[in-house]
Amino acid sequence: MKNDVISAFSNNRILNKRPSKETLNHAGLVYLASGINPYIDTKKAYLEAYKSLGIDIINRVPEQNVVKTLKEGESMDLGNGYKKAYLGLFDTYFKSKYPYEDVDDFLKIVTIT
């Protein structure tokens, strides 16, 4: 989200722009926008990419260099119903096992109002 959008909203003005949140995780995009290999200097690559892309509200600047643990298409069982999967520079984590067999099983104990 840009500062001009925030300023407009705080002053009850509407711009043609819409607020947005950007999350950089694609190594190629970070490299293209920064000119820096994000696997060699992750923090500097992110900061330069944010600057180059005009992103002025930043939600993440990695402090450590990224360590690639999975390849594209790979996932890893972490136990306890969780998995880790490749997503880009940083992997994603998600629950893969739920305490319900299906939606009907879930709805048996939940009242929807």
PDB file of N, CA and C in Angstrom:
ATOM      1  N   MET A   1       0.851  -1.163   0.000  1.00  0.00           N
ATOM      2  CA  MET A   1       0.000   0.000   0.000  1.00  0.00           C
ATOM      3  C   MET A   1       0.901   1.232   0.000  1.00  0.00           C
ATOM      4  N   LYS A   2       0.558   2.181  -0.783  1.00  0.00           N
ATOM      5  CA  LYS A   2       1.365   3.382  -0.918  1.00  0.00           C
ATOM      6  C   LYS A   2       0.960   4.443   0.106  1.00  0.00           C
ATOM      7  N   ASN A   3       1.898   5.331   0.413  1.00  0.00           N
ATOM      8  CA  ASN A   3       1.625   6.400   1.373  1.00  0.00           C
ATOM      9  C   ASN A   3       0.483   7.296   0.919  1.00  0.00           C
ATOM     10  N   ASP A   4       0.360   7.550  -0.405  1.00  0.00           N
ATOM     11  CA  ASP A   4      -0.715   8.425  -0.870  1.00  0.00           C
ATOM     12  C   ASP A   4      -2.090   7.794  -0.635  1.00  0.00           C
ATOM     13  N   VAL A   5      -2.170   6.471  -0.714  1.00  0.00           N
ATOM     14  CA  VAL A   5      -3.442   5.783  -0.453  1.00  0.00           C
ATOM     15  C   VAL A   5      -3.797   5.902   1.027  1.00  0.00           C
ATOM     16  N   ILE A   6      -2.819   5.700   1.888  1.00  0.00           N
ATOM     17  CA  ILE A   6      -3.047   5.808   3.329  1.00  0.00           C
ATOM     18  C   ILE A   6      -3.462   7.232   3.697  1.00  0.00           C
ATOM     19  N   SER A   7      -2.772   8.207   3.136  1.00  0.00           N
ATOM     20  CA  SER A   7      -3.094   9.604   3.404  1.00  0.00           C
ATOM     21  C   SER A   7      -4.517   9.930   2.966  1.00  0.00           C
ATOM     22  N   ALA A   8      -4.899   9.462   1.793  1.00  0.00           N
ATOM     23  CA  ALA A   8      -6.252   9.707   1.288  1.00  0.00           C
ATOM     24  C   ALA A   8      -7.295   9.082   2.204  1.00  0.00           C
ATOM     25  N   PHE A   9      -7.097   7.821   2.586  1.00  0.00           N
ATOM     26  CA  PHE A   9      -8.050   7.146   3.464  1.00  0.00           C
ATOM     27  C   PHE A   9      -8.158   7.847   4.809  1.00  0.00           C
ATOM     28  N   SER A  10      -7.040   8.286   5.350  1.00  0.00           N
ATOM     29  CA  SER A  10      -7.080   8.940   6.656  1.00  0.00           C
ATOM     30  C   SER A  10      -7.768  10.300   6.588  1.00  0.00           C
ATOM     31  N   ASN A  11      -7.862  10.885   5.396  1.00  0.00           N
ATOM     32  CA  ASN A  11      -8.544  12.170   5.212  1.00  0.00           C
ATOM     33  C   ASN A  11      -9.902  12.003   4.539  1.00  0.00           C
ATOM     34  N   ASN A  12     -10.438  10.775   4.588  1.00  0.00           N
ATOM     35  CA  ASN A  12     -11.751  10.466   4.014  1.00  0.00           C
ATOM     36  C   ASN A  12     -11.864  10.804   2.531  1.00  0.00           C
ATOM     37  N   ARG A  13     -10.770  10.640   1.811  1.00  0.00           N
ATOM     38  CA  ARG A  13     -10.795  10.817   0.356  1.00  0.00           C
ATOM     39  C   ARG A  13     -10.603   9.454  -0.288  1.00  0.00           C
ATOM     40  N   ILE A  14     -11.181   9.266  -1.435  1.00  0.00           N
ATOM     41  CA  ILE A  14     -11.048   8.013  -2.173  1.00  0.00           C
ATOM     42  C   ILE A  14     -10.218   8.269  -3.429  1.00  0.00           C
ATOM     43  N   LEU A  15      -9.209   7.460  -3.643  1.00  0.00           N
ATOM     44  CA  LEU A  15      -8.396   7.526  -4.863  1.00  0.00           C
ATOM     45  C   LEU A  15      -8.815   6.414  -5.807  1.00  0.00           C
ATOM     46  N   ASN A  16      -8.388   6.500  -7.041  1.00  0.00           N
ATOM     47  CA  ASN A  16      -8.638   5.414  -7.980  1.00  0.00           C
ATOM     48  C   ASN A  16      -7.833   4.172  -7.629  1.00  0.00           C
ATOM     49  N   LYS A  17      -6.750   4.361  -6.880  1.00  0.00           N
ATOM     50  CA  LYS A  17      -5.921   3.233  -6.455  1.00  0.00           C
ATOM     51  C   LYS A  17      -6.624   2.470  -5.350  1.00  0.00           C
ATOM     52  N   ARG A  18      -6.342   1.219  -5.244  1.00  0.00           N
ATOM     53  CA  ARG A  18      -6.854   0.394  -4.158  1.00  0.00           C
ATOM     54  C   ARG A  18      -5.681  -0.016  -3.272  1.00  0.00           C
ATOM     55  N   PRO A  19      -5.928  -0.127  -1.971  1.00  0.00           N
ATOM     56  CA  PRO A  19      -4.853  -0.592  -1.103  1.00  0.00           C
ATOM     57  C   PRO A  19      -4.488  -2.028  -1.442  1.00  0.00           C
ATOM     58  N   SER A  20      -3.226  -2.352  -1.255  1.00  0.00           N
ATOM     59  CA  SER A  20      -2.780  -3.717  -1.526  1.00  0.00           C
ATOM     60  C   SER A  20      -1.651  -4.080  -0.579  1.00  0.00           C
ATOM     61  N   LYS A  21      -1.419  -5.363  -0.470  1.00  0.00           N
ATOM     62  CA  LYS A  21      -0.315  -5.874   0.342  1.00  0.00           C
ATOM     63  C   LYS A  21       0.522  -6.765  -0.567  1.00  0.00           C
ATOM     64  N   GLU A  22       1.777  -6.480  -0.645  1.00  0.00           N
ATOM     65  CA  GLU A  22       2.662  -7.284  -1.473  1.00  0.00           C
ATOM     66  C   GLU A  22       3.567  -8.126  -0.589  1.00  0.00           C
ATOM     67  N   THR A  23       3.736  -9.369  -0.952  1.00  0.00           N
ATOM     68  CA  THR A  23       4.667 -10.249  -0.257  1.00  0.00           C
ATOM     69  C   THR A  23       5.627 -10.804  -1.293  1.00  0.00           C
ATOM     70  N   LEU A  24       6.891 -10.487  -1.161  1.00  0.00           N
ATOM     71  CA  LEU A  24       7.894 -10.982  -2.098  1.00  0.00           C
ATOM     72  C   LEU A  24       8.388 -12.349  -1.642  1.00  0.00           C
ATOM     73  N   ASN A  25       8.330 -13.330  -2.532  1.00  0.00           N
ATOM     74  CA  ASN A  25       8.841 -14.650  -2.191  1.00  0.00           C
ATOM     75  C   ASN A  25       9.426 -15.349  -3.424  1.00  0.00           C
ATOM     76  N   HIS A  26       9.315 -14.751  -4.578  1.00  0.00           N
ATOM     77  CA  HIS A  26       9.801 -15.358  -5.817  1.00  0.00           C
ATOM     78  C   HIS A  26      11.236 -14.893  -6.051  1.00  0.00           C
ATOM     79  N   ALA A  27      12.176 -15.827  -6.031  1.00  0.00           N
ATOM     80  CA  ALA A  27      13.600 -15.489  -6.158  1.00  0.00           C
ATOM     81  C   ALA A  27      13.880 -14.710  -7.436  1.00  0.00           C
ATOM     82  N   GLY A  28      13.262 -15.106  -8.537  1.00  0.00           N
ATOM     83  CA  GLY A  28      13.490 -14.424  -9.809  1.00  0.00           C
ATOM     84  C   GLY A  28      13.007 -12.990  -9.796  1.00  0.00           C
ATOM     85  N   LEU A  29      11.843 -12.750  -9.184  1.00  0.00           N
ATOM     86  CA  LEU A  29      11.306 -11.388  -9.101  1.00  0.00           C
ATOM     87  C   LEU A  29      12.181 -10.518  -8.196  1.00  0.00           C
ATOM     88  N   VAL A  30      12.603 -11.062  -7.060  1.00  0.00           N
ATOM     89  CA  VAL A  30      13.459 -10.302  -6.151  1.00  0.00           C
ATOM     90  C   VAL A  30      14.765  -9.951  -6.856  1.00  0.00           C
ATOM     91  N   TYR A  31      15.324 -10.889  -7.603  1.00  0.00           N
ATOM     92  CA  TYR A  31      16.564 -10.628  -8.347  1.00  0.00           C
ATOM     93  C   TYR A  31      16.333  -9.584  -9.440  1.00  0.00           C
ATOM     94  N   LEU A  32      15.248  -9.736 -10.196  1.00  0.00           N
ATOM     95  CA  LEU A  32      14.945  -8.813 -11.276  1.00  0.00           C
ATOM     96  C   LEU A  32      14.754  -7.388 -10.745  1.00  0.00           C
ATOM     97  N   ALA A  33      14.065  -7.255  -9.629  1.00  0.00           N
ATOM     98  CA  ALA A  33      13.788  -5.930  -9.064  1.00  0.00           C
ATOM     99  C   ALA A  33      14.979  -5.325  -8.333  1.00  0.00           C
ATOM    100  N   SER A  34      15.890  -6.168  -7.847  1.00  0.00           N
ATOM    101  CA  SER A  34      17.002  -5.655  -7.030  1.00  0.00           C
ATOM    102  C   SER A  34      18.358  -5.738  -7.715  1.00  0.00           C
ATOM    103  N   GLY A  35      18.519  -6.691  -8.626  1.00  0.00           N
ATOM    104  CA  GLY A  35      19.834  -6.924  -9.228  1.00  0.00           C
ATOM    105  C   GLY A  35      20.769  -7.682  -8.307  1.00  0.00           C
ATOM    106  N   ILE A  36      20.238  -8.193  -7.203  1.00  0.00           N
ATOM    107  CA  ILE A  36      21.045  -8.896  -6.195  1.00  0.00           C
ATOM    108  C   ILE A  36      20.511 -10.311  -6.047  1.00  0.00           C
ATOM    109  N   ASN A  37      21.403 -11.279  -6.010  1.00  0.00           N
ATOM    110  CA  ASN A  37      21.004 -12.668  -5.819  1.00  0.00           C
ATOM    111  C   ASN A  37      20.466 -12.827  -4.391  1.00  0.00           C
ATOM    112  N   PRO A  38      19.169 -13.144  -4.240  1.00  0.00           N
ATOM    113  CA  PRO A  38      18.599 -13.220  -2.894  1.00  0.00           C
ATOM    114  C   PRO A  38      19.117 -14.390  -2.065  1.00  0.00           C
ATOM    115  N   TYR A  39      19.766 -15.350  -2.702  1.00  0.00           N
ATOM    116  CA  TYR A  39      20.357 -16.457  -1.938  1.00  0.00           C
ATOM    117  C   TYR A  39      21.722 -16.070  -1.370  1.00  0.00           C
ATOM    118  N   ILE A  40      22.322 -15.020  -1.913  1.00  0.00           N
ATOM    119  CA  ILE A  40      23.638 -14.585  -1.439  1.00  0.00           C
ATOM    120  C   ILE A  40      23.513 -13.467  -0.406  1.00  0.00           C
ATOM    121  N   ASP A  41      22.627 -12.495  -0.661  1.00  0.00           N
ATOM    122  CA  ASP A  41      22.419 -11.399   0.285  1.00  0.00           C
ATOM    123  C   ASP A  41      20.919 -11.101   0.356  1.00  0.00           C
ATOM    124  N   THR A  42      20.201 -11.929   1.100  1.00  0.00           N
ATOM    125  CA  THR A  42      18.745 -11.873   1.156  1.00  0.00           C
ATOM    126  C   THR A  42      18.246 -10.514   1.635  1.00  0.00           C
ATOM    127  N   LYS A  43      18.787 -10.006   2.736  1.00  0.00           N
ATOM    128  CA  LYS A  43      18.302  -8.747   3.300  1.00  0.00           C
ATOM    129  C   LYS A  43      18.464  -7.603   2.308  1.00  0.00           C
ATOM    130  N   LYS A  44      19.637  -7.466   1.722  1.00  0.00           N
ATOM    131  CA  LYS A  44      19.886  -6.367   0.786  1.00  0.00           C
ATOM    132  C   LYS A  44      19.029  -6.523  -0.466  1.00  0.00           C
ATOM    133  N   ALA A  45      18.865  -7.750  -0.940  1.00  0.00           N
ATOM    134  CA  ALA A  45      18.037  -7.992  -2.125  1.00  0.00           C
ATOM    135  C   ALA A  45      16.592  -7.567  -1.862  1.00  0.00           C
ATOM    136  N   TYR A  46      16.057  -7.913  -0.695  1.00  0.00           N
ATOM    137  CA  TYR A  46      14.694  -7.520  -0.355  1.00  0.00           C
ATOM    138  C   TYR A  46      14.560  -5.997  -0.265  1.00  0.00           C
ATOM    139  N   LEU A  47      15.473  -5.343   0.439  1.00  0.00           N
ATOM    140  CA  LEU A  47      15.390  -3.894   0.601  1.00  0.00           C
ATOM    141  C   LEU A  47      15.452  -3.181  -0.742  1.00  0.00           C
ATOM    142  N   GLU A  48      16.355  -3.617  -1.615  1.00  0.00           N
ATOM    143  CA  GLU A  48      16.469  -3.000  -2.935  1.00  0.00           C
ATOM    144  C   GLU A  48      15.246  -3.290  -3.805  1.00  0.00           C
ATOM    145  N   ALA A  49      14.694  -4.499  -3.688  1.00  0.00           N
ATOM    146  CA  ALA A  49      13.493  -4.845  -4.459  1.00  0.00           C
ATOM    147  C   ALA A  49      12.315  -3.985  -4.009  1.00  0.00           C
ATOM    148  N   TYR A  50      12.145  -3.815  -2.701  1.00  0.00           N
ATOM    149  CA  TYR A  50      11.066  -2.962  -2.199  1.00  0.00           C
ATOM    150  C   TYR A  50      11.214  -1.546  -2.757  1.00  0.00           C
ATOM    151  N   LYS A  51      12.443  -1.023  -2.720  1.00  0.00           N
ATOM    152  CA  LYS A  51      12.695   0.330  -3.207  1.00  0.00           C
ATOM    153  C   LYS A  51      12.400   0.415  -4.712  1.00  0.00           C
ATOM    154  N   SER A  52      12.906  -0.529  -5.468  1.00  0.00           N
ATOM    155  CA  SER A  52      12.726  -0.547  -6.917  1.00  0.00           C
ATOM    156  C   SER A  52      11.259  -0.649  -7.325  1.00  0.00           C
ATOM    157  N   LEU A  53      10.486  -1.437  -6.580  1.00  0.00           N
ATOM    158  CA  LEU A  53       9.080  -1.648  -6.899  1.00  0.00           C
ATOM    159  C   LEU A  53       8.162  -0.562  -6.325  1.00  0.00           C
ATOM    160  N   GLY A  54       8.730   0.341  -5.523  1.00  0.00           N
ATOM    161  CA  GLY A  54       7.935   1.415  -4.946  1.00  0.00           C
ATOM    162  C   GLY A  54       7.052   0.968  -3.804  1.00  0.00           C
ATOM    163  N   ILE A  55       7.413  -0.114  -3.155  1.00  0.00           N
ATOM    164  CA  ILE A  55       6.643  -0.613  -2.015  1.00  0.00           C
ATOM    165  C   ILE A  55       7.155   0.118  -0.780  1.00  0.00           C
ATOM    166  N   ASP A  56       6.272   0.907  -0.149  1.00  0.00           N
ATOM    167  CA  ASP A  56       6.752   1.707   0.967  1.00  0.00           C
ATOM    168  C   ASP A  56       6.172   1.303   2.313  1.00  0.00           C
ATOM    169  N   ILE A  57       5.344   0.295   2.336  1.00  0.00           N
ATOM    170  CA  ILE A  57       4.940  -0.309   3.609  1.00  0.00           C
ATOM    171  C   ILE A  57       5.428  -1.749   3.551  1.00  0.00           C
ATOM    172  N   ILE A  58       6.370  -2.053   4.390  1.00  0.00           N
ATOM    173  CA  ILE A  58       7.082  -3.330   4.301  1.00  0.00           C
ATOM    174  C   ILE A  58       6.682  -4.222   5.464  1.00  0.00           C
ATOM    175  N   ASN A  59       6.312  -5.460   5.143  1.00  0.00           N
ATOM    176  CA  ASN A  59       5.901  -6.377   6.202  1.00  0.00           C
ATOM    177  C   ASN A  59       6.971  -7.402   6.532  1.00  0.00           C
ATOM    178  N   ARG A  60       8.034  -7.464   5.734  1.00  0.00           N
ATOM    179  CA  ARG A  60       9.054  -8.479   6.013  1.00  0.00           C
ATOM    180  C   ARG A  60      10.374  -8.111   5.354  1.00  0.00           C
ATOM    181  N   VAL A  61      11.429  -8.078   6.169  1.00  0.00           N
ATOM    182  CA  VAL A  61      12.795  -7.979   5.664  1.00  0.00           C
ATOM    183  C   VAL A  61      13.578  -9.068   6.388  1.00  0.00           C
ATOM    184  N   PRO A  62      13.929 -10.138   5.679  1.00  0.00           N
ATOM    185  CA  PRO A  62      14.663 -11.230   6.326  1.00  0.00           C
ATOM    186  C   PRO A  62      16.010 -10.748   6.870  1.00  0.00           C
ATOM    187  N   GLU A  63      16.315 -11.132   8.075  1.00  0.00           N
ATOM    188  CA  GLU A  63      17.582 -10.753   8.701  1.00  0.00           C
ATOM    189  C   GLU A  63      18.715 -11.702   8.302  1.00  0.00           C
ATOM    190  N   GLN A  64      18.374 -12.954   8.065  1.00  0.00           N
ATOM    191  CA  GLN A  64      19.370 -13.970   7.715  1.00  0.00           C
ATOM    192  C   GLN A  64      19.239 -14.334   6.241  1.00  0.00           C
ATOM    193  N   ASN A  65      20.321 -14.806   5.654  1.00  0.00           N
ATOM    194  CA  ASN A  65      20.233 -15.296   4.288  1.00  0.00           C
ATOM    195  C   ASN A  65      19.344 -16.531   4.244  1.00  0.00           C
ATOM    196  N   VAL A  66      18.515 -16.598   3.211  1.00  0.00           N
ATOM    197  CA  VAL A  66      17.607 -17.728   3.054  1.00  0.00           C
ATOM    198  C   VAL A  66      18.418 -18.995   2.770  1.00  0.00           C
ATOM    199  N   VAL A  67      17.976 -20.090   3.344  1.00  0.00           N
ATOM    200  CA  VAL A  67      18.596 -21.389   3.095  1.00  0.00           C
ATOM    201  C   VAL A  67      17.542 -22.248   2.408  1.00  0.00           C
ATOM    202  N   LYS A  68      17.828 -22.639   1.200  1.00  0.00           N
ATOM    203  CA  LYS A  68      16.876 -23.429   0.421  1.00  0.00           C
ATOM    204  C   LYS A  68      16.840 -24.849   0.988  1.00  0.00           C
ATOM    205  N   THR A  69      15.640 -25.290   1.423  1.00  0.00           N
ATOM    206  CA  THR A  69      15.524 -26.624   2.010  1.00  0.00           C
ATOM    207  C   THR A  69      14.747 -27.583   1.123  1.00  0.00           C
ATOM    208  N   LEU A  70      13.862 -27.043   0.279  1.00  0.00           N
ATOM    209  CA  LEU A  70      13.053 -27.885  -0.599  1.00  0.00           C
ATOM    210  C   LEU A  70      13.149 -27.378  -2.030  1.00  0.00           C
ATOM    211  N   LYS A  71      12.969 -28.281  -2.964  1.00  0.00           N
ATOM    212  CA  LYS A  71      12.940 -27.907  -4.376  1.00  0.00           C
ATOM    213  C   LYS A  71      11.495 -27.727  -4.811  1.00  0.00           C
ATOM    214  N   GLU A  72      11.294 -27.047  -5.926  1.00  0.00           N
ATOM    215  CA  GLU A  72       9.954 -26.817  -6.458  1.00  0.00           C
ATOM    216  C   GLU A  72       9.196 -28.136  -6.552  1.00  0.00           C
ATOM    217  N   GLY A  73       7.982 -28.145  -6.018  1.00  0.00           N
ATOM    218  CA  GLY A  73       7.136 -29.334  -6.055  1.00  0.00           C
ATOM    219  C   GLY A  73       7.330 -30.281  -4.884  1.00  0.00           C
ATOM    220  N   GLU A  74       8.346 -30.052  -4.070  1.00  0.00           N
ATOM    221  CA  GLU A  74       8.606 -30.939  -2.925  1.00  0.00           C
ATOM    222  C   GLU A  74       7.814 -30.517  -1.691  1.00  0.00           C
ATOM    223  N   SER A  75       7.542 -31.488  -0.849  1.00  0.00           N
ATOM    224  CA  SER A  75       6.962 -31.219   0.467  1.00  0.00           C
ATOM    225  C   SER A  75       7.579 -32.189   1.462  1.00  0.00           C
ATOM    226  N   MET A  76       7.423 -31.878   2.731  1.00  0.00           N
ATOM    227  CA  MET A  76       8.034 -32.689   3.783  1.00  0.00           C
ATOM    228  C   MET A  76       7.048 -32.833   4.935  1.00  0.00           C
ATOM    229  N   ASP A  77       6.858 -34.040   5.394  1.00  0.00           N
ATOM    230  CA  ASP A  77       5.989 -34.285   6.540  1.00  0.00           C
ATOM    231  C   ASP A  77       6.739 -33.872   7.801  1.00  0.00           C
ATOM    232  N   LEU A  78       6.116 -33.014   8.590  1.00  0.00           N
ATOM    233  CA  LEU A  78       6.738 -32.544   9.828  1.00  0.00           C
ATOM    234  C   LEU A  78       6.200 -33.264  11.053  1.00  0.00           C
ATOM    235  N   GLY A  79       5.240 -34.157  10.842  1.00  0.00           N
ATOM    236  CA  GLY A  79       4.630 -34.852  11.962  1.00  0.00           C
ATOM    237  C   GLY A  79       3.523 -34.019  12.574  1.00  0.00           C
ATOM    238  N   ASN A  80       2.773 -34.646  13.441  1.00  0.00           N
ATOM    239  CA  ASN A  80       1.700 -33.966  14.162  1.00  0.00           C
ATOM    240  C   ASN A  80       0.671 -33.324  13.229  1.00  0.00           C
ATOM    241  N   GLY A  81       0.518 -33.881  12.017  1.00  0.00           N
ATOM    242  CA  GLY A  81      -0.477 -33.385  11.074  1.00  0.00           C
ATOM    243  C   GLY A  81      -0.056 -32.191  10.241  1.00  0.00           C
ATOM    244  N   TYR A  82       1.223 -31.812  10.278  1.00  0.00           N
ATOM    245  CA  TYR A  82       1.704 -30.649   9.535  1.00  0.00           C
ATOM    246  C   TYR A  82       2.676 -31.043   8.433  1.00  0.00           C
ATOM    247  N   LYS A  83       2.707 -30.220   7.389  1.00  0.00           N
ATOM    248  CA  LYS A  83       3.660 -30.401   6.293  1.00  0.00           C
ATOM    249  C   LYS A  83       4.320 -29.070   5.978  1.00  0.00           C
ATOM    250  N   LYS A  84       5.471 -29.178   5.361  1.00  0.00           N
ATOM    251  CA  LYS A  84       6.203 -28.022   4.856  1.00  0.00           C
ATOM    252  C   LYS A  84       6.314 -28.238   3.358  1.00  0.00           C
ATOM    253  N   ALA A  85       6.081 -27.185   2.558  1.00  0.00           N
ATOM    254  CA  ALA A  85       6.137 -27.322   1.109  1.00  0.00           C
ATOM    255  C   ALA A  85       6.877 -26.147   0.501  1.00  0.00           C
ATOM    256  N   TYR A  86       7.486 -26.390  -0.648  1.00  0.00           N
ATOM    257  CA  TYR A  86       8.175 -25.345  -1.388  1.00  0.00           C
ATOM    258  C   TYR A  86       7.175 -24.274  -1.807  1.00  0.00           C
ATOM    259  N   LEU A  87       7.536 -23.005  -1.635  1.00  0.00           N
ATOM    260  CA  LEU A  87       6.694 -21.906  -2.086  1.00  0.00           C
ATOM    261  C   LEU A  87       7.505 -20.853  -2.830  1.00  0.00           C
ATOM    262  N   GLY A  88       8.791 -20.826  -2.648  1.00  0.00           N
ATOM    263  CA  GLY A  88       9.642 -19.804  -3.256  1.00  0.00           C
ATOM    264  C   GLY A  88      10.884 -19.675  -2.395  1.00  0.00           C
ATOM    265  N   LEU A  89      11.304 -18.442  -2.154  1.00  0.00           N
ATOM    266  CA  LEU A  89      12.465 -18.253  -1.281  1.00  0.00           C
ATOM    267  C   LEU A  89      12.212 -18.839   0.101  1.00  0.00           C
ATOM    268  N   PHE A  90      10.987 -18.650   0.593  1.00  0.00           N
ATOM    269  CA  PHE A  90      10.616 -19.194   1.893  1.00  0.00           C
ATOM    270  C   PHE A  90       9.506 -20.210   1.713  1.00  0.00           C
ATOM    271  N   ASP A  91       9.599 -21.314   2.413  1.00  0.00           N
ATOM    272  CA  ASP A  91       8.626 -22.392   2.300  1.00  0.00           C
ATOM    273  C   ASP A  91       7.338 -22.032   3.035  1.00  0.00           C
ATOM    274  N   THR A  92       6.305 -22.816   2.807  1.00  0.00           N
ATOM    275  CA  THR A  92       5.034 -22.621   3.486  1.00  0.00           C
ATOM    276  C   THR A  92       4.763 -23.822   4.382  1.00  0.00           C
ATOM    277  N   TYR A  93       4.025 -23.613   5.433  1.00  0.00           N
ATOM    278  CA  TYR A  93       3.670 -24.661   6.385  1.00  0.00           C
ATOM    279  C   TYR A  93       2.158 -24.746   6.449  1.00  0.00           C
ATOM    280  N   PHE A  94       1.635 -25.956   6.519  1.00  0.00           N
ATOM    281  CA  PHE A  94       0.187 -26.103   6.567  1.00  0.00           C
ATOM    282  C   PHE A  94      -0.211 -27.392   7.262  1.00  0.00           C
ATOM    283  N   LYS A  95      -1.421 -27.375   7.771  1.00  0.00           N
ATOM    284  CA  LYS A  95      -1.986 -28.556   8.432  1.00  0.00           C
ATOM    285  C   LYS A  95      -2.459 -29.512   7.352  1.00  0.00           C
ATOM    286  N   SER A  96      -2.075 -30.750   7.437  1.00  0.00           N
ATOM    287  CA  SER A  96      -2.440 -31.721   6.405  1.00  0.00           C
ATOM    288  C   SER A  96      -3.374 -32.809   6.928  1.00  0.00           C
ATOM    289  N   LYS A  97      -3.562 -32.853   8.237  1.00  0.00           N
ATOM    290  CA  LYS A  97      -4.441 -33.853   8.828  1.00  0.00           C
ATOM    291  C   LYS A  97      -5.390 -33.140   9.777  1.00  0.00           C
ATOM    292  N   TYR A  98      -6.674 -33.376   9.598  1.00  0.00           N
ATOM    293  CA  TYR A  98      -7.685 -32.701  10.396  1.00  0.00           C
ATOM    294  C   TYR A  98      -8.432 -33.715  11.253  1.00  0.00           C
ATOM    295  N   PRO A  99      -9.016 -33.271  12.355  1.00  0.00           N
ATOM    296  CA  PRO A  99      -9.699 -34.212  13.251  1.00  0.00           C
ATOM    297  C   PRO A  99     -11.068 -34.663  12.741  1.00  0.00           C
ATOM    298  N   TYR A 100     -11.451 -34.260  11.548  1.00  0.00           N
ATOM    299  CA  TYR A 100     -12.747 -34.625  10.973  1.00  0.00           C
ATOM    300  C   TYR A 100     -12.536 -35.379   9.670  1.00  0.00           C
ATOM    301  N   GLU A 101     -13.408 -36.321   9.419  1.00  0.00           N
ATOM    302  CA  GLU A 101     -13.315 -37.111   8.193  1.00  0.00           C
ATOM    303  C   GLU A 101     -13.770 -36.318   6.969  1.00  0.00           C
ATOM    304  N   ASP A 102     -14.849 -35.529   7.156  1.00  0.00           N
ATOM    305  CA  ASP A 102     -15.399 -34.748   6.053  1.00  0.00           C
ATOM    306  C   ASP A 102     -16.259 -33.625   6.619  1.00  0.00           C
ATOM    307  N   VAL A 103     -16.880 -32.847   5.748  1.00  0.00           N
ATOM    308  CA  VAL A 103     -17.691 -31.714   6.183  1.00  0.00           C
ATOM    309  C   VAL A 103     -18.856 -32.165   7.058  1.00  0.00           C
ATOM    310  N   ASP A 104     -19.511 -33.258   6.691  1.00  0.00           N
ATOM    311  CA  ASP A 104     -20.644 -33.744   7.487  1.00  0.00           C
ATOM    312  C   ASP A 104     -20.217 -34.107   8.907  1.00  0.00           C
ATOM    313  N   ASP A 105     -19.063 -34.729   9.033  1.00  0.00           N
ATOM    314  CA  ASP A 105     -18.533 -35.074  10.343  1.00  0.00           C
ATOM    315  C   ASP A 105     -18.308 -33.815  11.171  1.00  0.00           C
ATOM    316  N   PHE A 106     -17.773 -32.785  10.557  1.00  0.00           N
ATOM    317  CA  PHE A 106     -17.550 -31.507  11.214  1.00  0.00           C
ATOM    318  C   PHE A 106     -18.870 -30.859  11.637  1.00  0.00           C
ATOM    319  N   LEU A 107     -19.850 -30.873  10.733  1.00  0.00           N
ATOM    320  CA  LEU A 107     -21.129 -30.231  11.006  1.00  0.00           C
ATOM    321  C   LEU A 107     -21.924 -30.911  12.108  1.00  0.00           C
ATOM    322  N   LYS A 108     -21.625 -32.166  12.412  1.00  0.00           N
ATOM    323  CA  LYS A 108     -22.318 -32.871  13.494  1.00  0.00           C
ATOM    324  C   LYS A 108     -22.099 -32.194  14.844  1.00  0.00           C
ATOM    325  N   ILE A 109     -20.952 -31.551  15.011  1.00  0.00           N
ATOM    326  CA  ILE A 109     -20.647 -30.951  16.315  1.00  0.00           C
ATOM    327  C   ILE A 109     -20.679 -29.425  16.299  1.00  0.00           C
ATOM    328  N   VAL A 110     -20.896 -28.829  15.154  1.00  0.00           N
ATOM    329  CA  VAL A 110     -20.900 -27.374  15.044  1.00  0.00           C
ATOM    330  C   VAL A 110     -22.291 -26.882  14.682  1.00  0.00           C
ATOM    331  N   THR A 111     -22.736 -25.887  15.382  1.00  0.00           N
ATOM    332  CA  THR A 111     -24.019 -25.270  15.052  1.00  0.00           C
ATOM    333  C   THR A 111     -23.752 -23.987  14.292  1.00  0.00           C
ATOM    334  N   ILE A 112     -24.266 -23.889  13.102  1.00  0.00           N
ATOM    335  CA  ILE A 112     -24.081 -22.695  12.287  1.00  0.00           C
ATOM    336  C   ILE A 112     -25.325 -21.820  12.442  1.00  0.00           C
ATOM    337  N   THR A 113     -25.096 -20.570  12.851  1.00  0.00           N
ATOM    338  CA  THR A 113     -26.233 -19.649  13.028  1.00  0.00           C
ATOM    339  C   THR A 113     -26.148 -18.510  12.038  1.00  0.00           C
TER     340      THR A 113
END
